[in-house]
């Protein structure tokens, strides 16, 4: 992830555990890393993270992230997978859960 020079930057707090299904998270300048025993650890940031948050983060219908953000889609889009679906983002349409 590039340590402090990566997309997340420096940590802004300690790791917090006790989330749904035994999960934990840690906040960074540019996003968060969430971990659960079932999914492992994945970073979220930007518009995809905002859309996931609007649906309740790990407590919502999407659950925990199950993969890293993947970019390079048509028209500069990206997506990230979650236990209960996928969030797609494009510069023209913004972020939407599917």
Foldseek 3Di string as FASTA:
>chain_A
DCELPDQQHAWPDDWAFDDPQTKIKTHGPFFIWIAHPVAGIETDGDQQVVQCVVQPNLPGQQHHWRDYWDFDDPQTKIKTHGPRFIWIAHPVPTIDTD
